[in-house]
Amino acid sequence: MSKKKKKINKESVPKNGQEENETQIAENSKNEENKKDEGQLEQDKTAPNDDISNTKEDVLEDGQKEKKKIPLWGKIVIGVAIAVLVIGGGAYGIFNHLYNQMNYKSLEEDDVPADQEYFDTDENTANLEELDPNSIHLDSAEAVTSSKDVINILLCGEENIGGGRGRTDSIMIATINSKDNQLKLTSIMRDSYVQIPGYTDNKINAAYHNGGMKSLIETIKQNFGIEVDGYVLVNFDSFQDIVDAVGGIDITLDEKEVRYLNNTNYISDRSNHTLVVGKNHMNGNQALGFARVRYVMRDGEYGDFARTLRHRTVMTALYQRVIDKSTLELVAMIPKIVPLLTTNIKKEDLINYISMAVKVRDANKKVYTLNVPVEGGYKITRARGMSIILPEPLSKSVNKMQKFIYGSALKTEGEKDEGANITVGQ
């Protein structure tokens, strides 16, 4: 039997076992690499987008980043934002249009002296003591009060029956007090005898006739220490149209008032002489006649006291009528009213005032009223043939007026609520 010799590759022969170990390690390493390749292949099959995202980094061939899709909620937010901008812009456009319908007149434009000063010629004053005008001592408020929390708008009704610039038959200050959340009306009696800067002492209703609205505002500041932020002026015709625009107002009358109004020319249209005792729904012509009455008592008041009380009654009724309106009714009503108004209030200020007034009204719908001169602070007498209401002492009316209008805005830290500290000078 012959034996075949096995050819042995010298390179495959281990040397002391080292080659065998190295061979085993190499095979193990190769197997691991194959497993990784297989795993990577499986991953490529299950998540191809991740690989694209990682390699392209959301960049297209033109170098622009790939646009990501906007989620539904994002589209909704953007849509709402656009709608708000469009609606807001439209609302501002409407407001801008309405504002331009008003008659804007600055104080400087209206600062034109009358050809001559006006003095009333009152009847039935023989029972009053006649005073020498030179003997009348008039005080003035040395301090003028103002507050960022209080806005005062002067509301005036002009009596210009004879044409030209008339007198202010109605003088009221509408106050928006945002600190106390109160809306207020202060009536200044037209027969109040006061200092009119640059003119002869006279009834306050002559200040507008003699020197325009600027003169009236300066008169209020000098005599009562009140800072006026703007004015709104209407005449008899526009007042009637405003009442008609809101749909009329409700006023309660007693028997004497009904008899007087139905039998005089205070209500100029005789077809409107239809008032009854009790509650009446008045149109503009009837409301104007009611507001002008002075020689019939109302709630115990007579003369100019009764008339200013009627002014406040009418304004309160107008206010109540407006707040009872729906939004659509207000939108339809405003274009009829704004062309009837003359004002010096600038557009941006008017927006702020309206915003402040709405917030105050929402917090407190009540309207507070005051008549000046106040009880115990005046004397009814006669000067230059006129029946006048002489504020005496003026300080009593000034302090009461300041406290009423400014309320807690007057107080400083640690100060008690004792009203305004107004100094009255010569």
Protein backbone atom coordinates (compact mmCIF):
# COMPACT_ATOMS: atom_id res chain seq x y z
CA MET A 1 0.00 0.00 0.00
CA SER A 2 1.38 3.23 -1.01
CA LYS A 3 0.73 6.43 1.00
CA LYS A 4 -0.09 9.73 -0.72
CA LYS A 5 1.66 12.65 0.68
CA LYS A 6 -0.56 15.65 1.47
CA LYS A 7 0.69 18.92 0.06
CA ILE A 8 0.87 21.45 2.71
CA ASN A 9 0.76 25.18 2.08
CA LYS A 10 3.34 26.68 4.23
CA GLU A 11 1.36 29.91 4.57
CA SER A 12 -1.60 28.05 6.06
CA VAL A 13 0.46 26.41 8.69
CA PRO A 14 -0.06 28.10 12.02
CA LYS A 15 2.84 29.19 13.94
CA ASN A 16 2.35 28.44 17.52
CA GLY A 17 -1.49 28.92 16.97
CA GLN A 18 -1.17 32.65 16.09
CA GLU A 19 -2.22 32.33 12.46
CA GLU A 20 -5.31 30.34 13.42
CA ASN A 21 -6.45 33.06 15.79
CA GLU A 22 -5.91 35.83 13.25
CA THR A 23 -7.88 33.91 10.66
CA GLN A 24 -10.79 33.47 13.06
CA ILE A 25 -10.79 37.18 13.95
CA ALA A 26 -10.81 38.15 10.29
CA GLU A 27 -13.76 35.89 9.57
CA ASN A 28 -15.65 37.30 12.54
CA SER A 29 -14.98 40.85 11.40
CA LYS A 30 -16.18 40.04 7.91
CA ASN A 31 -19.39 38.55 9.28
CA GLU A 32 -20.02 41.71 11.34
CA GLU A 33 -19.60 43.90 8.29
CA ASN A 34 -22.03 41.73 6.34
CA LYS A 35 -24.59 42.07 9.15
CA LYS A 36 -24.19 45.86 9.16
CA ASP A 37 -24.66 45.98 5.38
CA GLU A 38 -27.79 43.86 5.65
CA GLY A 39 -29.13 46.09 8.47
CA GLN A 40 -28.43 49.24 6.52
CA LEU A 41 -30.17 47.78 3.48
CA GLU A 42 -33.21 46.95 5.57
CA GLN A 43 -33.22 50.46 7.02
CA ASP A 44 -33.01 51.95 3.54
CA LYS A 45 -36.08 49.96 2.53
CA THR A 46 -38.16 51.00 5.54
CA ALA A 47 -37.12 54.69 5.82
CA PRO A 48 -36.10 56.05 2.44
CA ASN A 49 -37.37 59.64 3.26
CA ASP A 50 -35.00 60.00 6.19
CA ASP A 51 -32.10 59.20 3.95
CA ILE A 52 -33.25 61.80 1.38
CA SER A 53 -33.80 64.37 4.07
CA ASN A 54 -30.34 63.78 5.54
CA THR A 55 -28.55 63.93 2.26
CA LYS A 56 -30.45 66.77 0.52
CA GLU A 57 -31.03 68.81 3.65
CA ASP A 58 -34.29 70.14 2.17
CA VAL A 59 -32.37 71.88 -0.63
CA LEU A 60 -33.55 71.72 -4.23
CA GLU A 61 -31.32 71.75 -7.28
CA ASP A 62 -31.67 75.56 -7.72
CA GLY A 63 -30.31 76.12 -4.24
CA GLN A 64 -33.62 77.27 -2.79
CA LYS A 65 -34.85 75.67 0.40
CA GLU A 66 -37.77 73.35 -0.04
CA LYS A 67 -41.07 74.98 1.15
CA LYS A 68 -42.66 73.18 4.05
CA LYS A 69 -46.40 72.63 4.05
CA ILE A 70 -48.49 74.92 6.37
CA PRO A 71 -50.67 72.94 8.78
CA LEU A 72 -54.45 73.56 8.89
CA TRP A 73 -54.33 75.46 12.17
CA GLY A 74 -51.70 77.77 10.70
CA LYS A 75 -53.92 78.54 7.73
CA ILE A 76 -56.79 79.36 10.10
CA VAL A 77 -54.65 81.74 12.16
CA ILE A 78 -53.40 83.52 9.04
CA GLY A 79 -56.94 83.78 7.68
CA VAL A 80 -58.25 85.30 10.89
CA ALA A 81 -55.36 87.78 11.00
CA ILE A 82 -56.05 88.90 7.43
CA ALA A 83 -59.77 89.24 8.19
CA VAL A 84 -59.05 91.39 11.24
CA LEU A 85 -56.77 93.64 9.22
CA VAL A 86 -59.34 94.00 6.43
CA ILE A 87 -62.24 94.62 8.81
CA GLY A 88 -60.17 96.94 10.99
CA GLY A 89 -59.03 98.89 7.98
CA GLY A 90 -62.62 99.12 6.76
CA ALA A 91 -63.82 100.32 10.16
CA TYR A 92 -61.13 102.98 10.26
CA GLY A 93 -62.07 104.03 6.75
CA ILE A 94 -65.71 104.43 7.79
CA PHE A 95 -64.73 106.38 10.91
CA ASN A 96 -62.46 108.59 8.84
CA HIS A 97 -65.31 109.30 6.41
CA LEU A 98 -67.74 110.13 9.23
CA TYR A 99 -65.23 112.37 10.98
CA ASN A 100 -64.78 114.34 7.78
CA GLN A 101 -68.54 114.95 7.70
CA MET A 102 -68.33 116.98 10.91
CA ASN A 103 -67.67 120.71 10.84
CA TYR A 104 -64.18 121.08 12.26
CA LYS A 105 -63.36 124.53 13.58
CA SER A 106 -60.31 125.21 15.71
CA LEU A 107 -60.37 127.77 18.51
CA GLU A 108 -58.09 130.01 16.46
CA GLU A 109 -60.52 129.97 13.52
CA ASP A 110 -63.37 131.00 15.80
CA ASP A 111 -61.37 133.71 17.59
CA VAL A 112 -63.08 136.64 15.86
CA PRO A 113 -64.43 139.44 18.08
CA ALA A 114 -67.99 140.57 17.53
CA ASP A 115 -68.64 144.06 16.20
CA GLN A 116 -70.01 144.99 19.61
CA GLU A 117 -70.59 143.31 22.95
CA TYR A 118 -74.04 141.95 23.64
CA PHE A 119 -76.10 142.61 26.79
CA ASP A 120 -79.50 141.07 27.45
CA THR A 121 -82.62 143.17 27.88
CA ASP A 122 -84.68 141.16 30.34
CA GLU A 123 -88.31 141.90 31.15
CA ASN A 124 -90.05 141.65 34.52
CA THR A 125 -86.93 142.56 36.52
CA ALA A 126 -88.38 145.59 38.34
CA ASN A 127 -88.58 143.63 41.60
CA LEU A 128 -84.85 142.97 41.60
CA GLU A 129 -82.26 145.22 43.19
CA GLU A 130 -80.23 147.13 40.60
CA LEU A 131 -76.49 146.97 41.26
CA ASP A 132 -73.85 149.32 39.96
CA PRO A 133 -71.62 147.09 37.77
CA ASN A 134 -68.54 148.85 39.15
CA SER A 135 -69.51 147.84 42.68
CA ILE A 136 -69.70 144.12 41.84
CA HIS A 137 -66.64 142.23 43.02
CA LEU A 138 -65.99 139.09 41.00
CA ASP A 139 -63.52 136.42 42.09
CA SER A 140 -61.75 133.96 39.82
CA ALA A 141 -60.28 130.52 40.38
CA GLU A 142 -56.51 130.89 40.48
CA ALA A 143 -55.84 127.17 40.04
CA VAL A 144 -56.92 125.20 36.97
CA THR A 145 -57.38 121.50 37.58
CA SER A 146 -56.75 118.77 35.02
CA SER A 147 -56.20 115.00 35.08
CA LYS A 148 -55.27 112.37 32.52
CA ASP A 149 -58.13 110.27 33.93
CA VAL A 150 -60.75 112.96 33.30
CA ILE A 151 -61.94 114.30 29.94
CA ASN A 152 -64.18 117.40 29.81
CA ILE A 153 -66.12 118.18 26.63
CA LEU A 154 -67.99 121.47 26.44
CA LEU A 155 -71.46 120.98 24.94
CA CYS A 156 -73.17 124.16 23.72
CA GLY A 157 -76.50 124.95 22.10
CA GLU A 158 -76.34 128.15 20.07
CA GLU A 159 -79.30 130.52 19.87
CA ASN A 160 -78.78 132.40 16.61
CA ILE A 161 -82.30 133.34 15.61
CA GLY A 162 -81.20 136.68 14.18
CA GLY A 163 -78.35 135.16 12.17
CA GLY A 164 -74.62 135.53 12.69
CA ARG A 165 -72.92 134.22 15.82
CA GLY A 166 -75.49 133.95 18.57
CA ARG A 167 -75.37 133.27 22.30
CA THR A 168 -75.01 129.90 23.99
CA ASP A 169 -78.48 129.18 25.34
CA SER A 170 -77.15 125.89 26.73
CA ILE A 171 -73.72 125.46 28.37
CA MET A 172 -72.88 122.02 29.70
CA ILE A 173 -69.69 120.11 30.48
CA ALA A 174 -69.80 116.39 29.69
CA THR A 175 -67.24 114.56 31.80
CA ILE A 176 -65.69 111.13 31.28
CA ASN A 177 -64.09 110.17 34.58
CA SER A 178 -62.24 106.91 33.94
CA LYS A 179 -60.79 106.73 37.44
CA ASP A 180 -64.20 106.64 39.13
CA ASN A 181 -66.03 105.07 36.13
CA GLN A 182 -68.56 107.89 35.98
CA LEU A 183 -70.21 109.92 33.21
CA LYS A 184 -71.28 113.40 34.36
CA LEU A 185 -73.12 116.49 33.14
CA THR A 186 -72.50 119.89 34.67
CA SER A 187 -74.86 122.73 33.70
CA ILE A 188 -73.60 126.30 33.92
CA MET A 189 -76.56 128.66 34.06
CA ARG A 190 -76.51 131.05 31.13
CA ASP A 191 -77.42 133.99 33.40
CA SER A 192 -74.32 133.48 35.59
CA TYR A 193 -72.55 136.84 35.88
CA VAL A 194 -68.83 136.27 35.39
CA GLN A 195 -65.56 137.74 34.19
CA ILE A 196 -65.07 137.35 30.44
CA PRO A 197 -61.34 137.73 29.61
CA GLY A 198 -60.82 140.70 27.30
CA TYR A 199 -64.43 141.85 27.56
CA THR A 200 -66.83 143.53 29.98
CA ASP A 201 -68.21 141.44 32.86
CA ASN A 202 -71.43 139.90 31.60
CA LYS A 203 -73.67 136.86 31.56
CA ILE A 204 -71.67 133.81 30.58
CA ASN A 205 -73.88 133.19 27.54
CA ALA A 206 -72.45 136.37 25.97
CA ALA A 207 -68.88 135.05 25.99
CA TYR A 208 -69.38 132.99 22.82
CA HIS A 209 -71.16 135.83 21.01
CA ASN A 210 -68.49 138.38 21.91
CA GLY A 211 -65.33 136.34 21.32
CA GLY A 212 -66.22 132.90 19.95
CA MET A 213 -65.69 129.48 21.51
CA LYS A 214 -62.15 130.33 22.56
CA SER A 215 -63.53 133.17 24.70
CA LEU A 216 -66.13 130.88 26.33
CA ILE A 217 -63.54 128.21 27.18
CA GLU A 218 -61.20 130.81 28.67
CA THR A 219 -64.12 132.19 30.68
CA ILE A 220 -64.87 128.76 32.16
CA LYS A 221 -61.20 128.23 32.97
CA GLN A 222 -60.76 131.62 34.65
CA ASN A 223 -63.97 131.55 36.69
CA PHE A 224 -64.29 127.87 37.59
CA GLY A 225 -60.79 126.43 37.20
CA ILE A 226 -61.93 123.68 34.80
CA GLU A 227 -59.72 122.47 31.94
CA VAL A 228 -61.81 121.89 28.81
CA ASP A 229 -60.45 119.27 26.37
CA GLY A 230 -62.70 120.10 23.44
CA TYR A 231 -66.12 121.42 22.46
CA VAL A 232 -69.17 120.33 20.47
CA LEU A 233 -71.60 122.98 19.22
CA VAL A 234 -75.10 122.61 17.79
CA ASN A 235 -77.75 125.18 16.86
CA PHE A 236 -81.52 124.97 17.22
CA ASP A 237 -82.08 123.31 13.84
CA SER A 238 -79.34 120.70 14.28
CA PHE A 239 -80.56 119.91 17.81
CA GLN A 240 -84.01 119.10 16.45
CA ASP A 241 -82.51 116.90 13.74
CA ILE A 242 -80.39 115.01 16.29
CA VAL A 243 -83.44 114.20 18.42
CA ASP A 244 -85.30 113.03 15.31
CA ALA A 245 -82.29 110.95 14.23
CA VAL A 246 -82.37 108.94 17.46
CA GLY A 247 -86.11 108.42 17.06
CA GLY A 248 -87.32 110.95 19.64
CA ILE A 249 -86.97 111.04 23.43
CA ASP A 250 -89.27 110.35 26.38
CA ILE A 251 -90.03 113.26 28.73
CA THR A 252 -92.57 113.39 31.54
CA LEU A 253 -94.56 116.65 31.86
CA ASP A 254 -96.86 118.10 34.47
CA GLU A 255 -100.06 120.03 33.79
CA LYS A 256 -98.51 123.52 33.79
CA GLU A 257 -95.77 122.49 31.38
CA VAL A 258 -98.30 120.93 29.01
CA ARG A 259 -100.52 124.02 29.04
CA TYR A 260 -97.56 126.33 28.41
CA LEU A 261 -96.00 124.30 25.61
CA ASN A 262 -99.28 123.68 23.79
CA ASN A 263 -100.23 127.38 23.85
CA THR A 264 -96.99 129.27 23.10
CA ASN A 265 -94.52 129.44 20.22
CA TYR A 266 -91.78 127.58 22.11
CA ILE A 267 -92.89 124.62 19.99
CA SER A 268 -92.74 126.42 16.66
CA ASP A 269 -94.75 123.87 14.66
CA ARG A 270 -98.33 124.15 15.88
CA SER A 271 -99.11 120.64 14.64
CA ASN A 272 -96.84 119.44 17.48
CA HIS A 273 -99.01 121.07 20.17
CA THR A 274 -100.22 117.62 21.17
CA LEU A 275 -98.46 117.05 24.50
CA VAL A 276 -100.28 115.44 27.42
CA VAL A 277 -99.76 115.21 31.15
CA GLY A 278 -97.41 112.34 31.95
CA LYS A 279 -94.94 110.61 29.68
CA ASN A 280 -94.54 112.01 26.17
CA HIS A 281 -92.50 110.68 23.28
CA MET A 282 -91.20 113.96 21.87
CA ASN A 283 -89.85 114.70 18.42
CA GLY A 284 -87.09 117.23 17.84
CA ASN A 285 -89.36 120.28 17.58
CA GLN A 286 -91.14 119.40 20.82
CA ALA A 287 -87.91 118.61 22.68
CA LEU A 288 -86.38 121.95 21.65
CA GLY A 289 -89.45 123.83 22.90
CA PHE A 290 -89.32 121.96 26.21
CA ALA A 291 -85.59 122.68 26.68
CA ARG A 292 -86.06 126.44 26.22
CA VAL A 293 -88.80 126.94 28.82
CA ARG A 294 -87.74 129.01 31.82
CA TYR A 295 -90.90 130.66 33.19
CA VAL A 296 -92.61 127.45 34.27
CA MET A 297 -91.46 125.62 37.39
CA ARG A 298 -90.00 122.14 37.18
CA ASP A 299 -89.26 120.07 40.26
CA GLY A 300 -89.37 123.21 42.40
CA GLU A 301 -86.96 125.16 40.18
CA TYR A 302 -87.80 128.38 38.34
CA GLY A 303 -86.19 130.67 35.76
CA ASP A 304 -82.74 129.72 34.50
CA PHE A 305 -82.55 127.02 37.19
CA ALA A 306 -85.59 125.32 35.65
CA ARG A 307 -84.21 125.72 32.14
CA THR A 308 -80.83 124.17 32.94
CA LEU A 309 -82.68 121.35 34.70
CA ARG A 310 -84.59 120.76 31.47
CA HIS A 311 -81.33 120.79 29.53
CA ARG A 312 -79.96 118.01 31.71
CA THR A 313 -83.27 116.14 31.43
CA VAL A 314 -83.07 116.26 27.63
CA MET A 315 -79.41 115.20 27.52
CA THR A 316 -80.06 112.30 29.89
CA ALA A 317 -83.02 111.20 27.75
CA LEU A 318 -80.84 111.38 24.63
CA TYR A 319 -78.15 109.33 26.30
CA GLN A 320 -80.69 106.72 27.42
CA ARG A 321 -82.09 106.56 23.91
CA VAL A 322 -78.65 105.94 22.42
CA ILE A 323 -77.57 103.18 24.83
CA ASP A 324 -80.84 101.34 24.17
CA LYS A 325 -80.04 101.15 20.45
CA SER A 326 -78.68 98.01 18.83
CA THR A 327 -75.34 98.12 17.02
CA LEU A 328 -77.04 98.14 13.62
CA GLU A 329 -79.31 100.99 14.67
CA LEU A 330 -76.33 103.00 15.89
CA VAL A 331 -74.45 102.39 12.64
CA ALA A 332 -77.46 103.67 10.68
CA MET A 333 -77.98 106.65 12.99
CA ILE A 334 -74.45 108.07 13.27
CA PRO A 335 -74.14 109.31 9.64
CA LYS A 336 -77.28 111.41 10.21
CA ILE A 337 -75.88 113.06 13.33
CA VAL A 338 -72.20 113.84 12.69
CA PRO A 339 -72.80 116.43 9.91
CA LEU A 340 -74.87 118.42 12.42
CA LEU A 341 -71.94 118.89 14.82
CA THR A 342 -69.23 121.55 14.96
CA THR A 343 -66.13 120.64 16.98
CA ASN A 344 -62.43 121.29 17.51
CA ILE A 345 -61.68 117.71 18.63
CA LYS A 346 -59.03 116.08 16.47
CA LYS A 347 -59.55 112.65 14.99
CA GLU A 348 -57.07 110.75 17.13
CA ASP A 349 -58.38 112.43 20.30
CA LEU A 350 -61.97 111.61 19.40
CA ILE A 351 -61.06 107.93 19.02
CA ASN A 352 -59.49 107.95 22.50
CA TYR A 353 -62.44 109.79 24.05
CA ILE A 354 -64.98 107.41 22.53
CA SER A 355 -62.97 104.40 23.69
CA MET A 356 -62.74 105.81 27.22
CA ALA A 357 -66.46 106.67 27.29
CA VAL A 358 -67.47 103.17 26.16
CA LYS A 359 -65.37 101.54 28.89
CA VAL A 360 -66.85 103.83 31.55
CA ARG A 361 -70.38 103.27 30.26
CA ASP A 362 -69.90 99.50 30.33
CA ALA A 363 -68.79 99.73 33.96
CA ASN A 364 -71.48 102.21 35.05
CA LYS A 365 -74.40 103.35 32.87
CA LYS A 366 -75.63 106.02 35.28
CA VAL A 367 -75.28 109.73 34.42
CA TYR A 368 -74.54 112.12 37.32
CA THR A 369 -75.62 115.78 37.09
CA LEU A 370 -74.78 119.09 38.76
CA ASN A 371 -76.06 122.66 38.40
CA VAL A 372 -73.73 125.68 38.79
CA PRO A 373 -73.83 128.04 40.69
CA VAL A 374 -74.67 125.61 43.45
CA GLU A 375 -77.33 126.01 46.11
CA GLY A 376 -76.31 128.62 48.67
CA GLY A 377 -73.64 130.01 46.37
CA TYR A 378 -75.48 132.70 44.37
CA LYS A 379 -77.62 135.82 44.48
CA ILE A 380 -80.32 136.76 41.95
CA THR A 381 -80.10 140.46 41.22
CA ARG A 382 -79.90 142.96 38.35
CA ALA A 383 -77.11 144.80 36.54
CA ARG A 384 -77.20 146.85 33.34
CA GLY A 385 -80.91 146.13 33.16
CA MET A 386 -80.26 142.38 33.05
CA SER A 387 -81.49 139.74 35.44
CA ILE A 388 -78.29 138.03 36.59
CA ILE A 389 -77.24 135.17 38.83
CA LEU A 390 -74.28 136.41 40.81
CA PRO A 391 -72.04 133.58 42.10
CA GLU A 392 -71.54 134.61 45.72
CA PRO A 393 -69.25 133.28 47.01
CA LEU A 394 -67.74 131.85 43.85
CA SER A 395 -65.49 129.57 45.90
CA LYS A 396 -68.49 127.49 46.98
CA SER A 397 -69.43 126.68 43.39
CA VAL A 398 -65.80 126.18 42.34
CA ASN A 399 -65.06 123.68 45.09
CA LYS A 400 -68.27 121.76 44.53
CA MET A 401 -67.72 121.70 40.78
CA GLN A 402 -64.13 120.53 41.09
CA LYS A 403 -65.02 117.74 43.48
CA PHE A 404 -67.96 116.65 41.31
CA ILE A 405 -66.02 116.54 38.04
CA TYR A 406 -62.67 115.17 39.19
CA GLY A 407 -63.72 113.04 42.16
CA SER A 408 -60.93 110.80 43.43
CA ALA A 409 -58.61 112.09 40.68
CA LEU A 410 -58.14 115.17 42.88
CA LYS A 411 -56.64 113.20 45.73
CA THR A 412 -52.94 112.72 46.18
CA GLU A 413 -51.36 109.97 48.22
CA GLY A 414 -52.41 110.29 51.86
CA GLU A 415 -54.90 113.10 51.14
CA LYS A 416 -58.42 112.83 52.51
CA ASP A 417 -61.42 113.15 50.18
CA GLU A 418 -62.35 116.73 51.06
CA GLY A 419 -62.83 118.06 47.55
CA ALA A 420 -60.70 120.44 45.55
CA ASN A 421 -58.29 122.80 47.20
CA ILE A 422 -59.07 125.83 45.05
CA THR A 423 -57.74 129.27 45.81
CA VAL A 424 -60.08 132.13 44.94
CA GLY A 425 -58.39 135.41 44.11
CA GLN A 426 -59.32 138.94 43.08
